Amino acid sequence: ASMGEKVQMRVARKDGSPIAAMLTLHHGSSVVYKYGCSDESVHHLG
């Protein structure tokens, strides 16, 4: 709500199920990887 378009979430899915995600921040010419998370049972999918 506060950062608007300067924050983005990215999600990877296998057959519709989320298996990995991250949250990033943007300022000027820099993009910040802030939070990442995943389902360990499908790490082999990359």
All heavy atoms as atom14 arrays in JSON, in Angstrom:
{
  "sequence": "ASMGEKVQMRVARKDGSPIAAMLTLHHGSSVVYKYGCSDESVHHLG",
  "atom14_mask": [
    [1, 1, 1, 1, 1, 0, 0, 0, 0, 0, 0, 0, 0, 0],
    [1, 1, 1, 1, 1, 1, 0, 0, 0, 0, 0, 0, 0, 0],
    [1, 1, 1, 1, 1, 1, 1, 1, 0, 0, 0, 0, 0, 0],
    [1, 1, 1, 1, 0, 0, 0, 0, 0, 0, 0, 0, 0, 0],
    [1, 1, 1, 1, 1, 1, 1, 1, 1, 0, 0, 0, 0, 0],
    [1, 1, 1, 1, 1, 1, 1, 1, 1, 0, 0, 0, 0, 0],
    [1, 1, 1, 1, 1, 1, 1, 0, 0, 0, 0, 0, 0, 0],
    [1, 1, 1, 1, 1, 1, 1, 1, 1, 0, 0, 0, 0, 0],
    [1, 1, 1, 1, 1, 1, 1, 1, 0, 0, 0, 0, 0, 0],
    [1, 1, 1, 1, 1, 1, 1, 1, 1, 1, 1, 0, 0, 0],
    [1, 1, 1, 1, 1, 1, 1, 0, 0, 0, 0, 0, 0, 0],
    [1, 1, 1, 1, 1, 0, 0, 0, 0, 0, 0, 0, 0, 0],
    [1, 1, 1, 1, 1, 1, 1, 1, 1, 1, 1, 0, 0, 0],
    [1, 1, 1, 1, 1, 1, 1, 1, 1, 0, 0, 0, 0, 0],
    [1, 1, 1, 1, 1, 1, 1, 1, 0, 0, 0, 0, 0, 0],
    [1, 1, 1, 1, 0, 0, 0, 0, 0, 0, 0, 0, 0, 0],
    [1, 1, 1, 1, 1, 1, 0, 0, 0, 0, 0, 0, 0, 0],
    [1, 1, 1, 1, 1, 1, 1, 0, 0, 0, 0, 0, 0, 0],
    [1, 1, 1, 1, 1, 1, 1, 1, 0, 0, 0, 0, 0, 0],
    [1, 1, 1, 1, 1, 0, 0, 0, 0, 0, 0, 0, 0, 0],
    [1, 1, 1, 1, 1, 0, 0, 0, 0, 0, 0, 0, 0, 0],
    [1, 1, 1, 1, 1, 1, 1, 1, 0, 0, 0, 0, 0, 0],
    [1, 1, 1, 1, 1, 1, 1, 1, 0, 0, 0, 0, 0, 0],
    [1, 1, 1, 1, 1, 1, 1, 0, 0, 0, 0, 0, 0, 0],
    [1, 1, 1, 1, 1, 1, 1, 1, 0, 0, 0, 0, 0, 0],
    [1, 1, 1, 1, 1, 1, 1, 1, 1, 1, 0, 0, 0, 0],
    [1, 1, 1, 1, 1, 1, 1, 1, 1, 1, 0, 0, 0, 0],
    [1, 1, 1, 1, 0, 0, 0, 0, 0, 0, 0, 0, 0, 0],
    [1, 1, 1, 1, 1, 1, 0, 0, 0, 0, 0, 0, 0, 0],
    [1, 1, 1, 1, 1, 1, 0, 0, 0, 0, 0, 0, 0, 0],
    [1, 1, 1, 1, 1, 1, 1, 0, 0, 0, 0, 0, 0, 0],
    [1, 1, 1, 1, 1, 1, 1, 0, 0, 0, 0, 0, 0, 0],
    [1, 1, 1, 1, 1, 1, 1, 1, 1, 1, 1, 1, 0, 0],
    [1, 1, 1, 1, 1, 1, 1, 1, 1, 0, 0, 0, 0, 0],
    [1, 1, 1, 1, 1, 1, 1, 1, 1, 1, 1, 1, 0, 0],
    [1, 1, 1, 1, 0, 0, 0, 0, 0, 0, 0, 0, 0, 0],
    [1, 1, 1, 1, 1, 1, 0, 0, 0, 0, 0, 0, 0, 0],
    [1, 1, 1, 1, 1, 1, 0, 0, 0, 0, 0, 0, 0, 0],
    [1, 1, 1, 1, 1, 1, 1, 1, 0, 0, 0, 0, 0, 0],
    [1, 1, 1, 1, 1, 1, 1, 1, 1, 0, 0, 0, 0, 0],
    [1, 1, 1, 1, 1, 1, 0, 0, 0, 0, 0, 0, 0, 0],
    [1, 1, 1, 1, 1, 1, 1, 0, 0, 0, 0, 0, 0, 0],
    [1, 1, 1, 1, 1, 1, 1, 1, 1, 1, 0, 0, 0, 0],
    [1, 1, 1, 1, 1, 1, 1, 1, 1, 1, 0, 0, 0, 0],
    [1, 1, 1, 1, 1, 1, 1, 1, 0, 0, 0, 0, 0, 0],
    [1, 1, 1, 1, 0, 0, 0, 0, 0, 0, 0, 0, 0, 0]
  ],
  "atom14_positions": [
    [[0.82, -1.21, 0.0], [0.0, 0.0, 0.0], [0.86, 1.26, 0.0], [0.54, 2.25, -0.67], [-0.93, -0.01, 1.21], [0.0, 0.0, 0.0], [0.0, 0.0, 0.0], [0.0, 0.0, 0.0], [0.0, 0.0, 0.0], [0.0, 0.0, 0.0], [0.0, 0.0, 0.0], [0.0, 0.0, 0.0], [0.0, 0.0, 0.0], [0.0, 0.0, 0.0]],
    [[1.96, 1.25, 0.74], [2.77, 2.47, 0.91], [3.75, 2.71, -0.22], [3.98, 3.85, -0.63], [3.55, 2.4, 2.23], [2.68, 2.32, 3.33], [0.0, 0.0, 0.0], [0.0, 0.0, 0.0], [0.0, 0.0, 0.0], [0.0, 0.0, 0.0], [0.0, 0.0, 0.0], [0.0, 0.0, 0.0], [0.0, 0.0, 0.0], [0.0, 0.0, 0.0]],
    [[4.35, 1.63, -0.76], [5.39, 1.8, -1.78], [4.86, 1.76, -3.2], [5.58, 2.09, -4.14], [6.48, 0.74, -1.59], [7.26, 0.9, -0.3], [8.84, 0.01, -0.28], [9.85, 1.05, -1.36], [0.0, 0.0, 0.0], [0.0, 0.0, 0.0], [0.0, 0.0, 0.0], [0.0, 0.0, 0.0], [0.0, 0.0, 0.0], [0.0, 0.0, 0.0]],
    [[3.62, 1.33, -3.37], [3.04, 1.33, -4.71], [3.83, 0.49, -5.69], [4.24, -0.63, -5.39], [0.0, 0.0, 0.0], [0.0, 0.0, 0.0], [0.0, 0.0, 0.0], [0.0, 0.0, 0.0], [0.0, 0.0, 0.0], [0.0, 0.0, 0.0], [0.0, 0.0, 0.0], [0.0, 0.0, 0.0], [0.0, 0.0, 0.0], [0.0, 0.0, 0.0]],
    [[4.07, 1.04, -6.87], [4.74, 0.29, -7.94], [6.21, 0.03, -7.64], [6.87, -0.7, -8.39], [4.61, 1.06, -9.26], [3.19, 1.18, -9.78], [2.55, -0.16, -10.05], [3.25, -1.09, -10.51], [1.34, -0.29, -9.8], [0.0, 0.0, 0.0], [0.0, 0.0, 0.0], [0.0, 0.0, 0.0], [0.0, 0.0, 0.0], [0.0, 0.0, 0.0]],
    [[6.74, 0.6, -6.58], [8.15, 0.37, -6.24], [8.37, -0.96, -5.53], [9.51, -1.31, -5.21], [8.67, 1.53, -5.39], [8.76, 2.83, -6.18], [9.36, 3.96, -5.38], [9.48, 5.21, -6.25], [10.08, 6.34, -5.5], [0.0, 0.0, 0.0], [0.0, 0.0, 0.0], [0.0, 0.0, 0.0], [0.0, 0.0, 0.0], [0.0, 0.0, 0.0]],
    [[7.3, -1.7, -5.26], [7.43, -3.05, -4.71], [6.72, -4.02, -5.65], [5.66, -3.71, -6.18], [6.86, -3.14, -3.27], [5.39, -2.76, -3.23], [7.06, -4.51, -2.68], [0.0, 0.0, 0.0], [0.0, 0.0, 0.0], [0.0, 0.0, 0.0], [0.0, 0.0, 0.0], [0.0, 0.0, 0.0], [0.0, 0.0, 0.0], [0.0, 0.0, 0.0]],
    [[7.36, -5.17, -5.89], [6.81, -6.19, -6.78], [6.98, -7.57, -6.16], [7.95, -7.83, -5.45], [7.54, -6.17, -8.13], [7.31, -4.93, -8.98], [5.98, -4.97, -9.7], [5.64, -5.96, -10.34], [5.21, -3.9, -9.6], [0.0, 0.0, 0.0], [0.0, 0.0, 0.0], [0.0, 0.0, 0.0], [0.0, 0.0, 0.0], [0.0, 0.0, 0.0]],
    [[6.01, -8.44, -6.43], [6.14, -9.85, -6.06], [6.28, -10.66, -7.34], [5.66, -10.34, -8.35], [4.93, -10.31, -5.25], [4.86, -9.7, -3.87], [3.27, -10.0, -3.06], [2.19, -9.03, -4.11], [0.0, 0.0, 0.0], [0.0, 0.0, 0.0], [0.0, 0.0, 0.0], [0.0, 0.0, 0.0], [0.0, 0.0, 0.0], [0.0, 0.0, 0.0]],
    [[7.1, -11.7, -7.28], [7.32, -12.58, -8.41], [7.1, -14.01, -7.94], [7.64, -14.41, -6.91], [8.74, -12.41, -8.97], [8.99, -11.07, -9.62], [10.45, -10.87, -9.99], [10.64, -9.76, -10.9], [10.71, -8.49, -10.54], [10.64, -8.17, -9.26], [10.87, -7.54, -11.43], [0.0, 0.0, 0.0], [0.0, 0.0, 0.0], [0.0, 0.0, 0.0]],
    [[6.32, -14.76, -8.7], [5.96, -16.13, -8.3], [6.2, -17.07, -9.47], [5.8, -16.79, -10.61], [4.5, -16.21, -7.83], [4.1, -17.66, -7.53], [4.27, -15.35, -6.59], [0.0, 0.0, 0.0], [0.0, 0.0, 0.0], [0.0, 0.0, 0.0], [0.0, 0.0, 0.0], [0.0, 0.0, 0.0], [0.0, 0.0, 0.0], [0.0, 0.0, 0.0]],
    [[6.85, -18.21, -9.17], [7.0, -19.3, -10.15], [6.04, -20.41, -9.75], [5.92, -20.74, -8.56], [8.43, -19.81, -10.16], [0.0, 0.0, 0.0], [0.0, 0.0, 0.0], [0.0, 0.0, 0.0], [0.0, 0.0, 0.0], [0.0, 0.0, 0.0], [0.0, 0.0, 0.0], [0.0, 0.0, 0.0], [0.0, 0.0, 0.0], [0.0, 0.0, 0.0]],
    [[5.38, -21.0, -10.76], [4.4, -22.06, -10.5], [4.69, -23.28, -11.37], [5.16, -23.16, -12.5], [2.97, -21.59, -10.75], [2.51, -20.44, -9.88], [1.03, -20.15, -10.08], [0.57, -19.04, -9.24], [0.55, -17.78, -9.6], [0.97, -17.47, -10.83], [0.12, -16.85, -8.78], [0.0, 0.0, 0.0], [0.0, 0.0, 0.0], [0.0, 0.0, 0.0]],
    [[4.35, -24.44, -10.83], [4.39, -25.69, -11.58], [2.97, -26.24, -11.61], [2.38, -26.51, -10.56], [5.33, -26.69, -10.91], [5.3, -28.09, -11.51], [5.78, -28.12, -12.95], [5.82, -29.57, -13.47], [6.2, -29.63, -14.9], [0.0, 0.0, 0.0], [0.0, 0.0, 0.0], [0.0, 0.0, 0.0], [0.0, 0.0, 0.0], [0.0, 0.0, 0.0]],
    [[2.42, -26.35, -12.83], [1.04, -26.82, -12.99], [0.08, -26.02, -12.13], [-0.86, -26.57, -11.52], [0.93, -28.31, -12.66], [1.79, -29.19, -13.57], [1.96, -28.81, -14.75], [2.3, -30.21, -13.09], [0.0, 0.0, 0.0], [0.0, 0.0, 0.0], [0.0, 0.0, 0.0], [0.0, 0.0, 0.0], [0.0, 0.0, 0.0], [0.0, 0.0, 0.0]],
    [[0.31, -24.72, -12.04], [-0.58, -23.84, -11.31], [-0.29, -23.69, -9.83], [-0.84, -22.8, -9.18], [0.0, 0.0, 0.0], [0.0, 0.0, 0.0], [0.0, 0.0, 0.0], [0.0, 0.0, 0.0], [0.0, 0.0, 0.0], [0.0, 0.0, 0.0], [0.0, 0.0, 0.0], [0.0, 0.0, 0.0], [0.0, 0.0, 0.0], [0.0, 0.0, 0.0]],
    [[0.57, -24.53, -9.28], [0.88, -24.47, -7.85], [2.14, -23.63, -7.62], [3.17, -23.89, -8.26], [1.09, -25.87, -7.28], [-0.09, -26.63, -7.39], [0.0, 0.0, 0.0], [0.0, 0.0, 0.0], [0.0, 0.0, 0.0], [0.0, 0.0, 0.0], [0.0, 0.0, 0.0], [0.0, 0.0, 0.0], [0.0, 0.0, 0.0], [0.0, 0.0, 0.0]],
    [[2.08, -22.65, -6.71], [3.27, -21.83, -6.44], [4.38, -22.63, -5.79], [4.14, -23.37, -4.83], [2.75, -20.75, -5.49], [1.52, -21.33, -4.88], [0.93, -22.24, -5.9], [0.0, 0.0, 0.0], [0.0, 0.0, 0.0], [0.0, 0.0, 0.0], [0.0, 0.0, 0.0], [0.0, 0.0, 0.0], [0.0, 0.0, 0.0], [0.0, 0.0, 0.0]],
    [[5.61, -22.51, -6.32], [6.74, -23.26, -5.75], [7.87, -22.36, -5.29], [8.72, -22.78, -4.52], [7.27, -24.3, -6.76], [7.87, -23.61, -8.0], [6.18, -25.28, -7.18], [8.67, -24.54, -8.88], [0.0, 0.0, 0.0], [0.0, 0.0, 0.0], [0.0, 0.0, 0.0], [0.0, 0.0, 0.0], [0.0, 0.0, 0.0], [0.0, 0.0, 0.0]],
    [[7.9, -21.1, -5.75], [8.94, -20.17, -5.35], [8.42, -18.75, -5.54], [7.61, -18.5, -6.44], [10.22, -20.37, -6.15], [0.0, 0.0, 0.0], [0.0, 0.0, 0.0], [0.0, 0.0, 0.0], [0.0, 0.0, 0.0], [0.0, 0.0, 0.0], [0.0, 0.0, 0.0], [0.0, 0.0, 0.0], [0.0, 0.0, 0.0], [0.0, 0.0, 0.0]],
    [[8.87, -17.84, -4.66], [8.4, -16.45, -4.75], [9.46, -15.51, -4.19], [10.32, -15.91, -3.4], [7.08, -16.28, -3.99], [0.0, 0.0, 0.0], [0.0, 0.0, 0.0], [0.0, 0.0, 0.0], [0.0, 0.0, 0.0], [0.0, 0.0, 0.0], [0.0, 0.0, 0.0], [0.0, 0.0, 0.0], [0.0, 0.0, 0.0], [0.0, 0.0, 0.0]],
    [[9.39, -14.26, -4.6], [10.27, -13.24, -4.05], [9.56, -11.9, -4.04], [8.59, -11.68, -4.79], [11.58, -13.14, -4.83], [11.44, -12.7, -6.25], [13.06, -12.35, -7.05], [13.94, -13.89, -6.89], [0.0, 0.0, 0.0], [0.0, 0.0, 0.0], [0.0, 0.0, 0.0], [0.0, 0.0, 0.0], [0.0, 0.0, 0.0], [0.0, 0.0, 0.0]],
    [[10.03, -11.01, -3.18], [9.54, -9.64, -3.13], [10.73, -8.72, -3.34], [11.77, -8.88, -2.71], [8.87, -9.36, -1.78], [8.24, -7.97, -1.61], [6.99, -8.05, -0.72], [9.22, -6.96, -1.02], [0.0, 0.0, 0.0], [0.0, 0.0, 0.0], [0.0, 0.0, 0.0], [0.0, 0.0, 0.0], [0.0, 0.0, 0.0], [0.0, 0.0, 0.0]],
    [[10.57, -7.77, -4.25], [11.65, -6.85, -4.6], [11.21, -5.41, -4.44], [10.02, -5.09, -4.52], [12.13, -7.08, -6.04], [11.03, -6.85, -6.95], [12.66, -8.49, -6.23], [0.0, 0.0, 0.0], [0.0, 0.0, 0.0], [0.0, 0.0, 0.0], [0.0, 0.0, 0.0], [0.0, 0.0, 0.0], [0.0, 0.0, 0.0], [0.0, 0.0, 0.0]],
    [[12.19, -4.54, -4.25], [11.96, -3.1, -4.12], [12.74, -2.39, -5.22], [13.78, -2.89, -5.68], [12.45, -2.6, -2.76], [12.01, -3.38, -1.52], [12.77, -2.89, -0.29], [10.51, -3.28, -1.31], [0.0, 0.0, 0.0], [0.0, 0.0, 0.0], [0.0, 0.0, 0.0], [0.0, 0.0, 0.0], [0.0, 0.0, 0.0], [0.0, 0.0, 0.0]],
    [[12.26, -1.23, -5.62], [12.92, -0.49, -6.7], [13.16, 0.94, -6.27], [12.28, 1.59, -5.71], [12.05, -0.51, -7.96], [12.67, 0.2, -9.13], [12.37, 1.5, -9.45], [13.59, -0.19, -10.04], [13.06, 1.87, -10.51], [13.8, 0.88, -10.89], [0.0, 0.0, 0.0], [0.0, 0.0, 0.0], [0.0, 0.0, 0.0], [0.0, 0.0, 0.0]],
    [[14.38, 1.42, -6.52], [14.7, 2.83, -6.28], [15.74, 3.26, -7.29], [16.83, 2.66, -7.39], [15.26, 3.03, -4.87], [15.81, 4.42, -4.67], [15.0, 5.49, -4.35], [17.08, 4.91, -4.78], [15.76, 6.58, -4.25], [17.0, 6.27, -4.51], [0.0, 0.0, 0.0], [0.0, 0.0, 0.0], [0.0, 0.0, 0.0], [0.0, 0.0, 0.0]],
    [[15.43, 4.3, -8.05], [16.38, 4.82, -9.02], [16.85, 3.75, -9.98], [16.06, 3.09, -10.66], [0.0, 0.0, 0.0], [0.0, 0.0, 0.0], [0.0, 0.0, 0.0], [0.0, 0.0, 0.0], [0.0, 0.0, 0.0], [0.0, 0.0, 0.0], [0.0, 0.0, 0.0], [0.0, 0.0, 0.0], [0.0, 0.0, 0.0], [0.0, 0.0, 0.0]],
    [[18.16, 3.53, -10.04], [18.73, 2.55, -10.97], [19.01, 1.21, -10.29], [19.71, 0.37, -10.85], [20.05, 3.1, -11.55], [20.99, 3.32, -10.51], [0.0, 0.0, 0.0], [0.0, 0.0, 0.0], [0.0, 0.0, 0.0], [0.0, 0.0, 0.0], [0.0, 0.0, 0.0], [0.0, 0.0, 0.0], [0.0, 0.0, 0.0], [0.0, 0.0, 0.0]],
    [[18.46, 1.01, -9.09], [18.74, -0.21, -8.34], [17.46, -0.98, -8.04], [16.43, -0.39, -7.7], [19.46, 0.13, -7.03], [19.72, -1.03, -6.28], [0.0, 0.0, 0.0], [0.0, 0.0, 0.0], [0.0, 0.0, 0.0], [0.0, 0.0, 0.0], [0.0, 0.0, 0.0], [0.0, 0.0, 0.0], [0.0, 0.0, 0.0], [0.0, 0.0, 0.0]],
    [[17.53, -2.31, -8.15], [16.44, -3.2, -7.74], [16.95, -4.04, -6.58], [18.05, -4.6, -6.65], [15.97, -4.1, -8.9], [14.87, -5.04, -8.42], [15.47, -3.26, -10.07], [0.0, 0.0, 0.0], [0.0, 0.0, 0.0], [0.0, 0.0, 0.0], [0.0, 0.0, 0.0], [0.0, 0.0, 0.0], [0.0, 0.0, 0.0], [0.0, 0.0, 0.0]],
    [[16.18, -4.09, -5.51], [16.59, -4.78, -4.29], [15.82, -6.08, -4.13], [14.58, -6.07, -4.09], [16.36, -3.9, -3.04], [16.79, -4.64, -1.77], [17.08, -2.57, -3.17], [0.0, 0.0, 0.0], [0.0, 0.0, 0.0], [0.0, 0.0, 0.0], [0.0, 0.0, 0.0], [0.0, 0.0, 0.0], [0.0, 0.0, 0.0], [0.0, 0.0, 0.0]],
    [[16.55, -7.2, -4.06], [15.94, -8.46, -3.69], [15.86, -8.48, -2.16], [16.87, -8.51, -1.49], [16.8, -9.63, -4.19], [16.5, -10.95, -3.51], [15.31, -11.62, -3.74], [17.41, -11.53, -2.62], [15.03, -12.83, -3.1], [17.15, -12.72, -1.99], [15.96, -13.36, -2.23], [15.68, -14.56, -1.6], [0.0, 0.0, 0.0], [0.0, 0.0, 0.0]],
    [[14.63, -8.44, -1.62], [14.47, -8.31, -0.17], [14.04, -9.61, 0.5], [14.59, -10.0, 1.53], [13.47, -7.19, 0.13], [13.23, -6.96, 1.63], [14.54, -6.7, 2.38], [14.32, -6.5, 3.87], [15.56, -6.6, 4.65], [0.0, 0.0, 0.0], [0.0, 0.0, 0.0], [0.0, 0.0, 0.0], [0.0, 0.0, 0.0], [0.0, 0.0, 0.0]],
    [[13.03, -10.29, -0.07], [12.53, -11.52, 0.54], [12.39, -12.61, -0.52], [11.91, -12.34, -1.63], [11.16, -11.31, 1.19], [11.15, -10.29, 2.3], [10.61, -9.02, 2.1], [11.66, -10.58, 3.56], [10.6, -8.07, 3.12], [11.66, -9.65, 4.58], [11.12, -8.39, 4.35], [11.11, -7.46, 5.36], [0.0, 0.0, 0.0], [0.0, 0.0, 0.0]],
    [[12.81, -13.82, -0.18], [12.64, -14.96, -1.07], [12.15, -16.16, -0.28], [12.47, -16.31, 0.91], [0.0, 0.0, 0.0], [0.0, 0.0, 0.0], [0.0, 0.0, 0.0], [0.0, 0.0, 0.0], [0.0, 0.0, 0.0], [0.0, 0.0, 0.0], [0.0, 0.0, 0.0], [0.0, 0.0, 0.0], [0.0, 0.0, 0.0], [0.0, 0.0, 0.0]],
    [[11.35, -17.01, -0.91], [10.8, -18.17, -0.22], [10.45, -19.24, -1.25], [10.26, -18.95, -2.43], [9.58, -17.79, 0.6], [8.41, -16.68, -0.25], [0.0, 0.0, 0.0], [0.0, 0.0, 0.0], [0.0, 0.0, 0.0], [0.0, 0.0, 0.0], [0.0, 0.0, 0.0], [0.0, 0.0, 0.0], [0.0, 0.0, 0.0], [0.0, 0.0, 0.0]],
    [[10.36, -20.49, -0.78], [10.14, -21.59, -1.72], [9.64, -22.83, -1.0], [9.72, -22.94, 0.23], [11.45, -21.93, -2.46], [12.44, -22.3, -1.52], [0.0, 0.0, 0.0], [0.0, 0.0, 0.0], [0.0, 0.0, 0.0], [0.0, 0.0, 0.0], [0.0, 0.0, 0.0], [0.0, 0.0, 0.0], [0.0, 0.0, 0.0], [0.0, 0.0, 0.0]],
    [[9.14, -23.76, -1.8], [8.7, -25.07, -1.31], [9.88, -26.04, -1.48], [10.26, -26.36, -2.61], [7.49, -25.54, -2.11], [6.93, -26.87, -1.63], [7.64, -27.6, -0.9], [5.79, -27.19, -1.99], [0.0, 0.0, 0.0], [0.0, 0.0, 0.0], [0.0, 0.0, 0.0], [0.0, 0.0, 0.0], [0.0, 0.0, 0.0], [0.0, 0.0, 0.0]],
    [[10.46, -26.46, -0.38], [11.66, -27.29, -0.42], [11.46, -28.6, -1.16], [12.39, -29.13, -1.78], [12.14, -27.57, 1.0], [13.48, -28.29, 1.08], [13.91, -28.54, 2.51], [13.03, -28.73, 3.38], [15.13, -28.53, 2.78], [0.0, 0.0, 0.0], [0.0, 0.0, 0.0], [0.0, 0.0, 0.0], [0.0, 0.0, 0.0], [0.0, 0.0, 0.0]],
    [[10.24, -29.12, -1.15], [9.98, -30.43, -1.76], [10.14, -30.42, -3.28], [10.28, -31.48, -3.89], [8.57, -30.91, -1.4], [7.56, -30.1, -2.01], [0.0, 0.0, 0.0], [0.0, 0.0, 0.0], [0.0, 0.0, 0.0], [0.0, 0.0, 0.0], [0.0, 0.0, 0.0], [0.0, 0.0, 0.0], [0.0, 0.0, 0.0], [0.0, 0.0, 0.0]],
    [[10.13, -29.22, -3.87], [10.27, -29.14, -5.34], [11.47, -28.26, -5.74], [11.48, -27.68, -6.82], [8.96, -28.62, -6.0], [7.89, -29.69, -5.99], [8.45, -27.35, -5.3], [0.0, 0.0, 0.0], [0.0, 0.0, 0.0], [0.0, 0.0, 0.0], [0.0, 0.0, 0.0], [0.0, 0.0, 0.0], [0.0, 0.0, 0.0], [0.0, 0.0, 0.0]],
    [[12.48, -28.19, -4.87], [13.68, -27.42, -5.21], [14.35, -27.94, -6.47], [15.03, -27.19, -7.18], [14.67, -27.45, -4.04], [14.38, -26.4, -3.0], [15.14, -26.23, -1.88], [13.39, -25.46, -2.93], [14.65, -25.24, -1.15], [13.6, -24.76, -1.75], [0.0, 0.0, 0.0], [0.0, 0.0, 0.0], [0.0, 0.0, 0.0], [0.0, 0.0, 0.0]],
    [[14.17, -29.24, -6.74], [14.82, -29.83, -7.92], [14.3, -29.24, -9.23], [14.93, -29.41, -10.29], [14.62, -31.35, -7.93], [13.19, -31.77, -8.06], [12.31, -31.76, -6.99], [12.48, -32.21, -9.13], [11.12, -32.19, -7.4], [11.2, -32.46, -8.69], [0.0, 0.0, 0.0], [0.0, 0.0, 0.0], [0.0, 0.0, 0.0], [0.0, 0.0, 0.0]],
    [[13.16, -28.51, -9.17], [12.61, -27.91, -10.39], [13.28, -26.58, -10.73], [13.05, -26.02, -11.8], [11.1, -27.69, -10.23], [10.25, -28.95, -10.04], [8.77, -28.57, -9.84], [10.4, -29.89, -11.23], [0.0, 0.0, 0.0], [0.0, 0.0, 0.0], [0.0, 0.0, 0.0], [0.0, 0.0, 0.0], [0.0, 0.0, 0.0], [0.0, 0.0, 0.0]],
    [[14.12, -26.07, -9.83], [14.87, -24.84, -10.13], [14.06, -23.56, -10.05], [14.37, -22.59, -10.75], [0.0, 0.0, 0.0], [0.0, 0.0, 0.0], [0.0, 0.0, 0.0], [0.0, 0.0, 0.0], [0.0, 0.0, 0.0], [0.0, 0.0, 0.0], [0.0, 0.0, 0.0], [0.0, 0.0, 0.0], [0.0, 0.0, 0.0], [0.0, 0.0, 0.0]]
  ]
}
